[in-house]
Amino acid sequence: DAHLQEALSGKDLFDFRPAGLIADLGLLKPHGWSYRETAA
């Protein structure tokens, strides 16, 4: 778990800063999905 935690805490693959994760997932401009779809 410590090895995985180290890998996820860097920014090589996953960027947990708000701007980084929003950009990575395209959360400001949903394409092919909507937030309403998540709600049920």
PDB file of all heavy atoms in Angstrom:
ATOM      1  N   ASP A   1       0.829  -1.198   0.000  1.00  0.00           N
ATOM      2  CA  ASP A   1       0.000   0.000   0.000  1.00  0.00           C
ATOM      3  C   ASP A   1       0.867   1.253   0.000  1.00  0.00           C
ATOM      4  O   ASP A   1       0.516   2.266  -0.630  1.00  0.00           O
ATOM      5  CB  ASP A   1      -0.923   0.004   1.217  1.00  0.00           C
ATOM      6  CG  ASP A   1      -1.997  -1.071   1.144  1.00  0.00           C
ATOM      7  OD1 ASP A   1      -2.156  -1.700   0.076  1.00  0.00           O
ATOM      8  OD2 ASP A   1      -2.689  -1.278   2.158  1.00  0.00           O
ATOM      9  N   ALA A   2       1.978   1.192   0.700  1.00  0.00           N
ATOM     10  CA  ALA A   2       2.886   2.348   0.759  1.00  0.00           C
ATOM     11  C   ALA A   2       3.442   2.674  -0.629  1.00  0.00           C
ATOM     12  O   ALA A   2       3.585   3.849  -0.993  1.00  0.00           O
ATOM     13  CB  ALA A   2       4.019   2.076   1.736  1.00  0.00           C
ATOM     14  N   HIS A   3       3.746   1.635  -1.404  1.00  0.00           N
ATOM     15  CA  HIS A   3       4.274   1.835  -2.753  1.00  0.00           C
ATOM     16  C   HIS A   3       3.199   2.472  -3.651  1.00  0.00           C
ATOM     17  O   HIS A   3       3.479   3.405  -4.421  1.00  0.00           O
ATOM     18  CB  HIS A   3       4.738   0.498  -3.323  1.00  0.00           C
ATOM     19  CG  HIS A   3       5.678   0.625  -4.479  1.00  0.00           C
ATOM     20  ND1 HIS A   3       6.239  -0.460  -5.111  1.00  0.00           N
ATOM     21  CD2 HIS A   3       6.151   1.709  -5.143  1.00  0.00           C
ATOM     22  CE1 HIS A   3       7.009  -0.043  -6.105  1.00  0.00           C
ATOM     23  NE2 HIS A   3       6.965   1.270  -6.141  1.00  0.00           N
ATOM     24  N   LEU A   4       1.979   1.984  -3.545  1.00  0.00           N
ATOM     25  CA  LEU A   4       0.880   2.568  -4.309  1.00  0.00           C
ATOM     26  C   LEU A   4       0.628   4.017  -3.887  1.00  0.00           C
ATOM     27  O   LEU A   4       0.404   4.894  -4.724  1.00  0.00           O
ATOM     28  CB  LEU A   4      -0.393   1.754  -4.122  1.00  0.00           C
ATOM     29  CG  LEU A   4      -0.468   0.410  -4.849  1.00  0.00           C
ATOM     30  CD1 LEU A   4      -1.684  -0.376  -4.386  1.00  0.00           C
ATOM     31  CD2 LEU A   4      -0.526   0.629  -6.357  1.00  0.00           C
ATOM     32  N   GLN A   5       0.672   4.253  -2.592  1.00  0.00           N
ATOM     33  CA  GLN A   5       0.448   5.601  -2.079  1.00  0.00           C
ATOM     34  C   GLN A   5       1.492   6.571  -2.617  1.00  0.00           C
ATOM     35  O   GLN A   5       1.167   7.700  -3.009  1.00  0.00           O
ATOM     36  CB  GLN A   5       0.485   5.560  -0.551  1.00  0.00           C
ATOM     37  CG  GLN A   5       0.042   6.825   0.136  1.00  0.00           C
ATOM     38  CD  GLN A   5      -0.166   6.584   1.617  1.00  0.00           C
ATOM     39  OE1 GLN A   5      -0.958   5.722   2.025  1.00  0.00           O
ATOM     40  NE2 GLN A   5       0.552   7.325   2.438  1.00  0.00           N
ATOM     41  N   GLU A   6       2.727   6.130  -2.664  1.00  0.00           N
ATOM     42  CA  GLU A   6       3.802   6.970  -3.204  1.00  0.00           C
ATOM     43  C   GLU A   6       3.551   7.274  -4.686  1.00  0.00           C
ATOM     44  O   GLU A   6       3.736   8.409  -5.145  1.00  0.00           O
ATOM     45  CB  GLU A   6       5.145   6.274  -3.026  1.00  0.00           C
ATOM     46  CG  GLU A   6       6.336   7.081  -3.531  1.00  0.00           C
ATOM     47  CD  GLU A   6       7.648   6.343  -3.352  1.00  0.00           C
ATOM     48  OE1 GLU A   6       7.639   5.208  -2.828  1.00  0.00           O
ATOM     49  OE2 GLU A   6       8.701   6.896  -3.742  1.00  0.00           O
ATOM     50  N   ALA A   7       3.125   6.264  -5.431  1.00  0.00           N
ATOM     51  CA  ALA A   7       2.872   6.463  -6.860  1.00  0.00           C
ATOM     52  C   ALA A   7       1.724   7.428  -7.106  1.00  0.00           C
ATOM     53  O   ALA A   7       1.772   8.257  -8.020  1.00  0.00           O
ATOM     54  CB  ALA A   7       2.581   5.114  -7.516  1.00  0.00           C
ATOM     55  N   LEU A   8       0.688   7.352  -6.270  1.00  0.00           N
ATOM     56  CA  LEU A   8      -0.477   8.210  -6.458  1.00  0.00           C
ATOM     57  C   LEU A   8      -0.254   9.618  -5.924  1.00  0.00           C
ATOM     58  O   LEU A   8      -0.949  10.555  -6.323  1.00  0.00           O
ATOM     59  CB  LEU A   8      -1.696   7.594  -5.773  1.00  0.00           C
ATOM     60  CG  LEU A   8      -2.188   6.262  -6.346  1.00  0.00           C
ATOM     61  CD1 LEU A   8      -3.325   5.707  -5.506  1.00  0.00           C
ATOM     62  CD2 LEU A   8      -2.634   6.429  -7.790  1.00  0.00           C
ATOM     63  N   SER A   9       0.708   9.782  -5.032  1.00  0.00           N
ATOM     64  CA  SER A   9       0.953  11.094  -4.435  1.00  0.00           C
ATOM     65  C   SER A   9       1.786  11.999  -5.329  1.00  0.00           C
ATOM     66  O   SER A   9       1.791  13.222  -5.139  1.00  0.00           O
ATOM     67  CB  SER A   9       1.644  10.933  -3.069  1.00  0.00           C
ATOM     68  OG  SER A   9       0.804  10.246  -2.160  1.00  0.00           O
ATOM     69  N   GLY A  10       2.505  11.413  -6.279  1.00  0.00           N
ATOM     70  CA  GLY A  10       3.229  12.225  -7.245  1.00  0.00           C
ATOM     71  C   GLY A  10       2.275  12.736  -8.311  1.00  0.00           C
ATOM     72  O   GLY A  10       1.067  12.490  -8.270  1.00  0.00           O
ATOM     73  N   LYS A  11       2.781  13.482  -9.252  1.00  0.00           N
ATOM     74  CA  LYS A  11       1.926  14.031 -10.307  1.00  0.00           C
ATOM     75  C   LYS A  11       2.218  13.395 -11.658  1.00  0.00           C
ATOM     76  O   LYS A  11       1.797  13.895 -12.699  1.00  0.00           O
ATOM     77  CB  LYS A  11       2.096  15.543 -10.389  1.00  0.00           C
ATOM     78  CG  LYS A  11       1.786  16.274  -9.091  1.00  0.00           C
ATOM     79  CD  LYS A  11       1.917  17.772  -9.250  1.00  0.00           C
ATOM     80  CE  LYS A  11       1.810  18.469  -7.899  1.00  0.00           C
ATOM     81  NZ  LYS A  11       2.957  18.172  -7.026  1.00  0.00           N
ATOM     82  N   ASP A  12       2.959  12.273 -11.656  1.00  0.00           N
ATOM     83  CA  ASP A  12       3.313  11.621 -12.911  1.00  0.00           C
ATOM     84  C   ASP A  12       2.087  11.090 -13.641  1.00  0.00           C
ATOM     85  O   ASP A  12       1.975  11.188 -14.861  1.00  0.00           O
ATOM     86  CB  ASP A  12       4.292  10.469 -12.649  1.00  0.00           C
ATOM     87  CG  ASP A  12       5.608  10.960 -12.073  1.00  0.00           C
ATOM     88  OD1 ASP A  12       6.094  12.012 -12.529  1.00  0.00           O
ATOM     89  OD2 ASP A  12       6.132  10.301 -11.160  1.00  0.00           O
ATOM     90  N   LEU A  13       1.149  10.510 -12.880  1.00  0.00           N
ATOM     91  CA  LEU A  13      -0.051   9.929 -13.481  1.00  0.00           C
ATOM     92  C   LEU A  13      -1.327  10.591 -13.006  1.00  0.00           C
ATOM     93  O   LEU A  13      -2.227  10.857 -13.805  1.00  0.00           O
ATOM     94  CB  LEU A  13      -0.115   8.433 -13.162  1.00  0.00           C
ATOM     95  CG  LEU A  13       0.783   7.509 -13.976  1.00  0.00           C
ATOM     96  CD1 LEU A  13       0.607   6.075 -13.508  1.00  0.00           C
ATOM     97  CD2 LEU A  13       0.462   7.616 -15.456  1.00  0.00           C
ATOM     98  N   PHE A  14      -1.450  10.820 -11.727  1.00  0.00           N
ATOM     99  CA  PHE A  14      -2.665  11.375 -11.136  1.00  0.00           C
ATOM    100  C   PHE A  14      -2.332  12.679 -10.419  1.00  0.00           C
ATOM    101  O   PHE A  14      -1.475  12.710  -9.550  1.00  0.00           O
ATOM    102  CB  PHE A  14      -3.294  10.382 -10.150  1.00  0.00           C
ATOM    103  CG  PHE A  14      -3.779   9.114 -10.795  1.00  0.00           C
ATOM    104  CD1 PHE A  14      -2.969   7.984 -10.819  1.00  0.00           C
ATOM    105  CD2 PHE A  14      -5.035   9.042 -11.381  1.00  0.00           C
ATOM    106  CE1 PHE A  14      -3.401   6.804 -11.419  1.00  0.00           C
ATOM    107  CE2 PHE A  14      -5.477   7.870 -11.984  1.00  0.00           C
ATOM    108  CZ  PHE A  14      -4.658   6.750 -11.999  1.00  0.00           C
ATOM    109  N   ASP A  15      -3.027  13.734 -10.792  1.00  0.00           N
ATOM    110  CA  ASP A  15      -2.817  15.047 -10.189  1.00  0.00           C
ATOM    111  C   ASP A  15      -4.060  15.391  -9.372  1.00  0.00           C
ATOM    112  O   ASP A  15      -5.100  15.757  -9.916  1.00  0.00           O
ATOM    113  CB  ASP A  15      -2.581  16.093 -11.277  1.00  0.00           C
ATOM    114  CG  ASP A  15      -2.221  17.463 -10.718  1.00  0.00           C
ATOM    115  OD1 ASP A  15      -2.271  17.636  -9.478  1.00  0.00           O
ATOM    116  OD2 ASP A  15      -1.904  18.356 -11.525  1.00  0.00           O
ATOM    117  N   PHE A  16      -3.954  15.257  -8.050  1.00  0.00           N
ATOM    118  CA  PHE A  16      -5.099  15.462  -7.170  1.00  0.00           C
ATOM    119  C   PHE A  16      -5.340  16.925  -6.817  1.00  0.00           C
ATOM    120  O   PHE A  16      -6.239  17.211  -6.024  1.00  0.00           O
ATOM    121  CB  PHE A  16      -4.928  14.632  -5.885  1.00  0.00           C
ATOM    122  CG  PHE A  16      -5.342  13.189  -6.028  1.00  0.00           C
ATOM    123  CD1 PHE A  16      -4.440  12.238  -6.479  1.00  0.00           C
ATOM    124  CD2 PHE A  16      -6.624  12.781  -5.706  1.00  0.00           C
ATOM    125  CE1 PHE A  16      -4.809  10.897  -6.604  1.00  0.00           C
ATOM    126  CE2 PHE A  16      -7.002  11.450  -5.829  1.00  0.00           C
ATOM    127  CZ  PHE A  16      -6.094  10.507  -6.282  1.00  0.00           C
ATOM    128  N   ARG A  17      -4.574  17.849  -7.368  1.00  0.00           N
ATOM    129  CA  ARG A  17      -4.905  19.259  -7.187  1.00  0.00           C
ATOM    130  C   ARG A  17      -6.201  19.564  -7.949  1.00  0.00           C
ATOM    131  O   ARG A  17      -6.444  18.983  -9.020  1.00  0.00           O
ATOM    132  CB  ARG A  17      -3.767  20.141  -7.707  1.00  0.00           C
ATOM    133  CG  ARG A  17      -2.478  20.035  -6.903  1.00  0.00           C
ATOM    134  CD  ARG A  17      -1.364  20.820  -7.559  1.00  0.00           C
ATOM    135  NE  ARG A  17      -1.045  20.292  -8.889  1.00  0.00           N
ATOM    136  CZ  ARG A  17      -0.173  20.842  -9.725  1.00  0.00           C
ATOM    137  NH1 ARG A  17       0.448  21.975  -9.377  1.00  0.00           N
ATOM    138  NH2 ARG A  17       0.055  20.295 -10.905  1.00  0.00           N
ATOM    139  N   PRO A  18      -7.047  20.443  -7.423  1.00  0.00           N
ATOM    140  CA  PRO A  18      -8.347  20.675  -8.064  1.00  0.00           C
ATOM    141  C   PRO A  18      -8.259  20.982  -9.558  1.00  0.00           C
ATOM    142  O   PRO A  18      -8.982  20.380 -10.369  1.00  0.00           O
ATOM    143  CB  PRO A  18      -8.921  21.845  -7.267  1.00  0.00           C
ATOM    144  CG  PRO A  18      -8.338  21.675  -5.909  1.00  0.00           C
ATOM    145  CD  PRO A  18      -6.942  21.169  -6.140  1.00  0.00           C
ATOM    146  N   ALA A  19      -7.383  21.903  -9.950  1.00  0.00           N
ATOM    147  CA  ALA A  19      -7.283  22.251 -11.374  1.00  0.00           C
ATOM    148  C   ALA A  19      -6.827  21.055 -12.195  1.00  0.00           C
ATOM    149  O   ALA A  19      -7.292  20.850 -13.325  1.00  0.00           O
ATOM    150  CB  ALA A  19      -6.328  23.423 -11.570  1.00  0.00           C
ATOM    151  N   GLY A  20      -5.927  20.251 -11.637  1.00  0.00           N
ATOM    152  CA  GLY A  20      -5.402  19.092 -12.349  1.00  0.00           C
ATOM    153  C   GLY A  20      -6.447  18.026 -12.568  1.00  0.00           C
ATOM    154  O   GLY A  20      -6.598  17.497 -13.680  1.00  0.00           O
ATOM    155  N   LEU A  21      -7.182  17.680 -11.518  1.00  0.00           N
ATOM    156  CA  LEU A  21      -8.172  16.607 -11.666  1.00  0.00           C
ATOM    157  C   LEU A  21      -9.371  17.058 -12.501  1.00  0.00           C
ATOM    158  O   LEU A  21      -9.948  16.257 -13.247  1.00  0.00           O
ATOM    159  CB  LEU A  21      -8.597  16.080 -10.294  1.00  0.00           C
ATOM    160  CG  LEU A  21      -9.328  16.992  -9.315  1.00  0.00           C
ATOM    161  CD1 LEU A  21     -10.825  16.969  -9.523  1.00  0.00           C
ATOM    162  CD2 LEU A  21      -9.004  16.578  -7.875  1.00  0.00           C
ATOM    163  N   ILE A  22      -9.730  18.337 -12.412  1.00  0.00           N
ATOM    164  CA  ILE A  22     -10.825  18.851 -13.241  1.00  0.00           C
ATOM    165  C   ILE A  22     -10.455  18.759 -14.718  1.00  0.00           C
ATOM    166  O   ILE A  22     -11.259  18.329 -15.558  1.00  0.00           O
ATOM    167  CB  ILE A  22     -11.167  20.302 -12.841  1.00  0.00           C
ATOM    168  CG1 ILE A  22     -11.866  20.325 -11.481  1.00  0.00           C
ATOM    169  CG2 ILE A  22     -12.040  20.973 -13.898  1.00  0.00           C
ATOM    170  CD1 ILE A  22     -12.023  21.716 -10.887  1.00  0.00           C
ATOM    171  N   ALA A  23      -9.211  19.138 -15.035  1.00  0.00           N
ATOM    172  CA  ALA A  23      -8.760  19.068 -16.428  1.00  0.00           C
ATOM    173  C   ALA A  23      -8.632  17.626 -16.895  1.00  0.00           C
ATOM    174  O   ALA A  23      -9.021  17.279 -18.022  1.00  0.00           O
ATOM    175  CB  ALA A  23      -7.429  19.794 -16.573  1.00  0.00           C
ATOM    176  N   ASP A  24      -8.102  16.754 -16.038  1.00  0.00           N
ATOM    177  CA  ASP A  24      -7.870  15.359 -16.403  1.00  0.00           C
ATOM    178  C   ASP A  24      -9.175  14.653 -16.770  1.00  0.00           C
ATOM    179  O   ASP A  24      -9.222  13.853 -17.714  1.00  0.00           O
ATOM    180  CB  ASP A  24      -7.182  14.645 -15.236  1.00  0.00           C
ATOM    181  CG  ASP A  24      -6.389  13.421 -15.675  1.00  0.00           C
ATOM    182  OD1 ASP A  24      -6.365  13.122 -16.880  1.00  0.00           O
ATOM    183  OD2 ASP A  24      -5.783  12.768 -14.795  1.00  0.00           O
ATOM    184  N   LEU A  25     -10.238  14.956 -16.049  1.00  0.00           N
ATOM    185  CA  LEU A  25     -11.520  14.294 -16.286  1.00  0.00           C
ATOM    186  C   LEU A  25     -12.461  15.101 -17.176  1.00  0.00           C
ATOM    187  O   LEU A  25     -13.551  14.626 -17.515  1.00  0.00           O
ATOM    188  CB  LEU A  25     -12.212  14.001 -14.948  1.00  0.00           C
ATOM    189  CG  LEU A  25     -11.496  13.021 -14.012  1.00  0.00           C
ATOM    190  CD1 LEU A  25     -12.294  12.834 -12.722  1.00  0.00           C
ATOM    191  CD2 LEU A  25     -11.259  11.676 -14.685  1.00  0.00           C
ATOM    192  N   GLY A  26     -12.066  16.308 -17.541  1.00  0.00           N
ATOM    193  CA  GLY A  26     -12.932  17.130 -18.392  1.00  0.00           C
ATOM    194  C   GLY A  26     -14.233  17.508 -17.715  1.00  0.00           C
ATOM    195  O   GLY A  26     -15.298  17.517 -18.350  1.00  0.00           O
ATOM    196  N   LEU A  27     -14.162  17.877 -16.447  1.00  0.00           N
ATOM    197  CA  LEU A  27     -15.373  18.076 -15.659  1.00  0.00           C
ATOM    198  C   LEU A  27     -16.105  19.387 -15.951  1.00  0.00           C
ATOM    199  O   LEU A  27     -17.281  19.517 -15.601  1.00  0.00           O
ATOM    200  CB  LEU A  27     -15.038  17.998 -14.164  1.00  0.00           C
ATOM    201  CG  LEU A  27     -14.492  16.650 -13.674  1.00  0.00           C
ATOM    202  CD1 LEU A  27     -14.219  16.695 -12.180  1.00  0.00           C
ATOM    203  CD2 LEU A  27     -15.444  15.504 -14.007  1.00  0.00           C
ATOM    204  N   LEU A  28     -15.421  20.347 -16.563  1.00  0.00           N
ATOM    205  CA  LEU A  28     -16.084  21.620 -16.849  1.00  0.00           C
ATOM    206  C   LEU A  28     -16.877  21.592 -18.153  1.00  0.00           C
ATOM    207  O   LEU A  28     -17.784  22.407 -18.341  1.00  0.00           O
ATOM    208  CB  LEU A  28     -15.056  22.757 -16.906  1.00  0.00           C
ATOM    209  CG  LEU A  28     -14.367  23.099 -15.583  1.00  0.00           C
ATOM    210  CD1 LEU A  28     -13.350  24.205 -15.795  1.00  0.00           C
ATOM    211  CD2 LEU A  28     -15.391  23.507 -14.524  1.00  0.00           C
ATOM    212  N   LYS A  29     -16.524  20.679 -19.041  1.00  0.00           N
ATOM    213  CA  LYS A  29     -17.200  20.586 -20.334  1.00  0.00           C
ATOM    214  C   LYS A  29     -17.539  19.126 -20.622  1.00  0.00           C
ATOM    215  O   LYS A  29     -16.853  18.454 -21.400  1.00  0.00           O
ATOM    216  CB  LYS A  29     -16.326  21.165 -21.442  1.00  0.00           C
ATOM    217  CG  LYS A  29     -16.062  22.663 -21.283  1.00  0.00           C
ATOM    218  CD  LYS A  29     -15.208  23.207 -22.429  1.00  0.00           C
ATOM    219  CE  LYS A  29     -14.986  24.705 -22.290  1.00  0.00           C
ATOM    220  NZ  LYS A  29     -14.157  25.256 -23.404  1.00  0.00           N
ATOM    221  N   PRO A  30     -18.580  18.617 -19.970  1.00  0.00           N
ATOM    222  CA  PRO A  30     -18.945  17.206 -20.182  1.00  0.00           C
ATOM    223  C   PRO A  30     -19.163  16.889 -21.662  1.00  0.00           C
ATOM    224  O   PRO A  30     -19.840  17.643 -22.369  1.00  0.00           O
ATOM    225  CB  PRO A  30     -20.241  17.066 -19.386  1.00  0.00           C
ATOM    226  CG  PRO A  30     -20.169  18.136 -18.348  1.00  0.00           C
ATOM    227  CD  PRO A  30     -19.465  19.289 -19.010  1.00  0.00           C
ATOM    228  N   HIS A  31     -18.574  15.802 -22.098  1.00  0.00           N
ATOM    229  CA  HIS A  31     -18.711  15.374 -23.497  1.00  0.00           C
ATOM    230  C   HIS A  31     -19.219  13.940 -23.508  1.00  0.00           C
ATOM    231  O   HIS A  31     -18.542  13.021 -23.044  1.00  0.00           O
ATOM    232  CB  HIS A  31     -17.368  15.468 -24.219  1.00  0.00           C
ATOM    233  CG  HIS A  31     -17.428  15.033 -25.657  1.00  0.00           C
ATOM    234  ND1 HIS A  31     -18.090  15.765 -26.623  1.00  0.00           N
ATOM    235  CD2 HIS A  31     -16.931  13.931 -26.287  1.00  0.00           C
ATOM    236  CE1 HIS A  31     -17.989  15.131 -27.780  1.00  0.00           C
ATOM    237  NE2 HIS A  31     -17.297  14.025 -27.599  1.00  0.00           N
ATOM    238  N   GLY A  32     -20.423  13.740 -24.025  1.00  0.00           N
ATOM    239  CA  GLY A  32     -20.995  12.404 -24.067  1.00  0.00           C
ATOM    240  C   GLY A  32     -21.634  11.969 -22.765  1.00  0.00           C
ATOM    241  O   GLY A  32     -22.018  10.807 -22.619  1.00  0.00           O
ATOM    242  N   TRP A  33     -21.748  12.881 -21.817  1.00  0.00           N
ATOM    243  CA  TRP A  33     -22.393  12.589 -20.535  1.00  0.00           C
ATOM    244  C   TRP A  33     -22.876  13.909 -19.947  1.00  0.00           C
ATOM    245  O   TRP A  33     -22.549  14.980 -20.432  1.00  0.00           O
ATOM    246  CB  TRP A  33     -21.431  11.894 -19.568  1.00  0.00           C
ATOM    247  CG  TRP A  33     -20.210  12.714 -19.217  1.00  0.00           C
ATOM    248  CD1 TRP A  33     -19.082  12.875 -19.972  1.00  0.00           C
ATOM    249  CD2 TRP A  33     -20.017  13.511 -18.038  1.00  0.00           C
ATOM    250  NE1 TRP A  33     -18.190  13.716 -19.345  1.00  0.00           N
ATOM    251  CE2 TRP A  33     -18.735  14.113 -18.152  1.00  0.00           C
ATOM    252  CE3 TRP A  33     -20.778  13.765 -16.900  1.00  0.00           C
ATOM    253  CZ2 TRP A  33     -18.214  14.961 -17.172  1.00  0.00           C
ATOM    254  CZ3 TRP A  33     -20.259  14.608 -15.918  1.00  0.00           C
ATOM    255  CH2 TRP A  33     -18.996  15.184 -16.047  1.00  0.00           C
ATOM    256  N   SER A  34     -23.676  13.838 -18.907  1.00  0.00           N
ATOM    257  CA  SER A  34     -24.147  15.037 -18.226  1.00  0.00           C
ATOM    258  C   SER A  34     -24.151  14.780 -16.729  1.00  0.00           C
ATOM    259  O   SER A  34     -24.188  13.633 -16.270  1.00  0.00           O
ATOM    260  CB  SER A  34     -25.559  15.410 -18.689  1.00  0.00           C
ATOM    261  OG  SER A  34     -26.501  14.448 -18.236  1.00  0.00           O
ATOM    262  N   TYR A  35     -24.123  15.855 -15.968  1.00  0.00           N
ATOM    263  CA  TYR A  35     -24.211  15.705 -14.512  1.00  0.00           C
ATOM    264  C   TYR A  35     -25.581  15.165 -14.107  1.00  0.00           C
ATOM    265  O   TYR A  35     -25.684  14.412 -13.129  1.00  0.00           O
ATOM    266  CB  TYR A  35     -23.909  17.031 -13.818  1.00  0.00           C
ATOM    267  CG  TYR A  35     -22.426  17.332 -13.795  1.00  0.00           C
ATOM    268  CD1 TYR A  35     -21.864  18.217 -14.703  1.00  0.00           C
ATOM    269  CD2 TYR A  35     -21.590  16.701 -12.887  1.00  0.00           C
ATOM    270  CE1 TYR A  35     -20.502  18.483 -14.698  1.00  0.00           C
ATOM    271  CE2 TYR A  35     -20.220  16.947 -12.868  1.00  0.00           C
ATOM    272  CZ  TYR A  35     -19.672  17.843 -13.776  1.00  0.00           C
ATOM    273  OH  TYR A  35     -18.323  18.081 -13.779  1.00  0.00           O
ATOM    274  N   ARG A  36     -26.623  15.536 -14.846  1.00  0.00           N
ATOM    275  CA  ARG A  36     -27.929  14.998 -14.494  1.00  0.00           C
ATOM    276  C   ARG A  36     -27.939  13.466 -14.577  1.00  0.00           C
ATOM    277  O   ARG A  36     -28.573  12.790 -13.768  1.00  0.00           O
ATOM    278  CB  ARG A  36     -29.024  15.571 -15.408  1.00  0.00           C
ATOM    279  CG  ARG A  36     -30.397  15.084 -14.954  1.00  0.00           C
ATOM    280  CD  ARG A  36     -31.499  15.287 -15.947  1.00  0.00           C
ATOM    281  NE  ARG A  36     -32.589  14.365 -15.642  1.00  0.00           N
ATOM    282  CZ  ARG A  36     -33.661  14.213 -16.375  1.00  0.00           C
ATOM    283  NH1 ARG A  36     -33.810  14.921 -17.485  1.00  0.00           N
ATOM    284  NH2 ARG A  36     -34.585  13.340 -16.030  1.00  0.00           N
ATOM    285  N   GLU A  37     -27.216  12.911 -15.552  1.00  0.00           N
ATOM    286  CA  GLU A  37     -27.158  11.449 -15.672  1.00  0.00           C
ATOM    287  C   GLU A  37     -26.563  10.796 -14.434  1.00  0.00           C
ATOM    288  O   GLU A  37     -26.912   9.661 -14.098  1.00  0.00           O
ATOM    289  CB  GLU A  37     -26.320  11.056 -16.887  1.00  0.00           C
ATOM    290  CG  GLU A  37     -26.959  11.297 -18.225  1.00  0.00           C
ATOM    291  CD  GLU A  37     -26.015  10.886 -19.349  1.00  0.00           C
ATOM    292  OE1 GLU A  37     -25.944   9.685 -19.647  1.00  0.00           O
ATOM    293  OE2 GLU A  37     -25.344  11.773 -19.915  1.00  0.00           O
ATOM    294  N   THR A  38     -25.653  11.492 -13.756  1.00  0.00           N
ATOM    295  CA  THR A  38     -25.037  10.902 -12.561  1.00  0.00           C
ATOM    296  C   THR A  38     -26.032  10.780 -11.419  1.00  0.00           C
ATOM    297  O   THR A  38     -25.817   9.993 -10.489  1.00  0.00           O
ATOM    298  CB  THR A  38     -23.838  11.739 -12.072  1.00  0.00           C
ATOM    299  OG1 THR A  38     -24.299  12.994 -11.512  1.00  0.00           O
ATOM    300  CG2 THR A  38     -22.849  12.018 -13.185  1.00  0.00           C
ATOM    301  N   ALA A  39     -27.100  11.568 -11.455  1.00  0.00           N
ATOM    302  CA  ALA A  39     -27.947  11.784 -10.289  1.00  0.00           C
ATOM    303  C   ALA A  39     -28.932  10.659 -10.007  1.00  0.00           C
ATOM    304  O   ALA A  39     -29.683  10.735  -9.035  1.00  0.00           O
ATOM    305  CB  ALA A  39     -28.694  13.118 -10.428  1.00  0.00           C
ATOM    306  N   ALA A  40     -28.971   9.630 -10.820  1.00  0.00           N
ATOM    307  CA  ALA A  40     -29.810   8.465 -10.541  1.00  0.00           C
ATOM    308  C   ALA A  40     -29.077   7.213 -11.001  1.00  0.00           C
ATOM    309  O   ALA A  40     -28.391   7.230 -12.019  1.00  0.00           O
ATOM    310  CB  ALA A  40     -31.166   8.570 -11.238  1.00  0.00           C
TER     311      ALA A  40
END
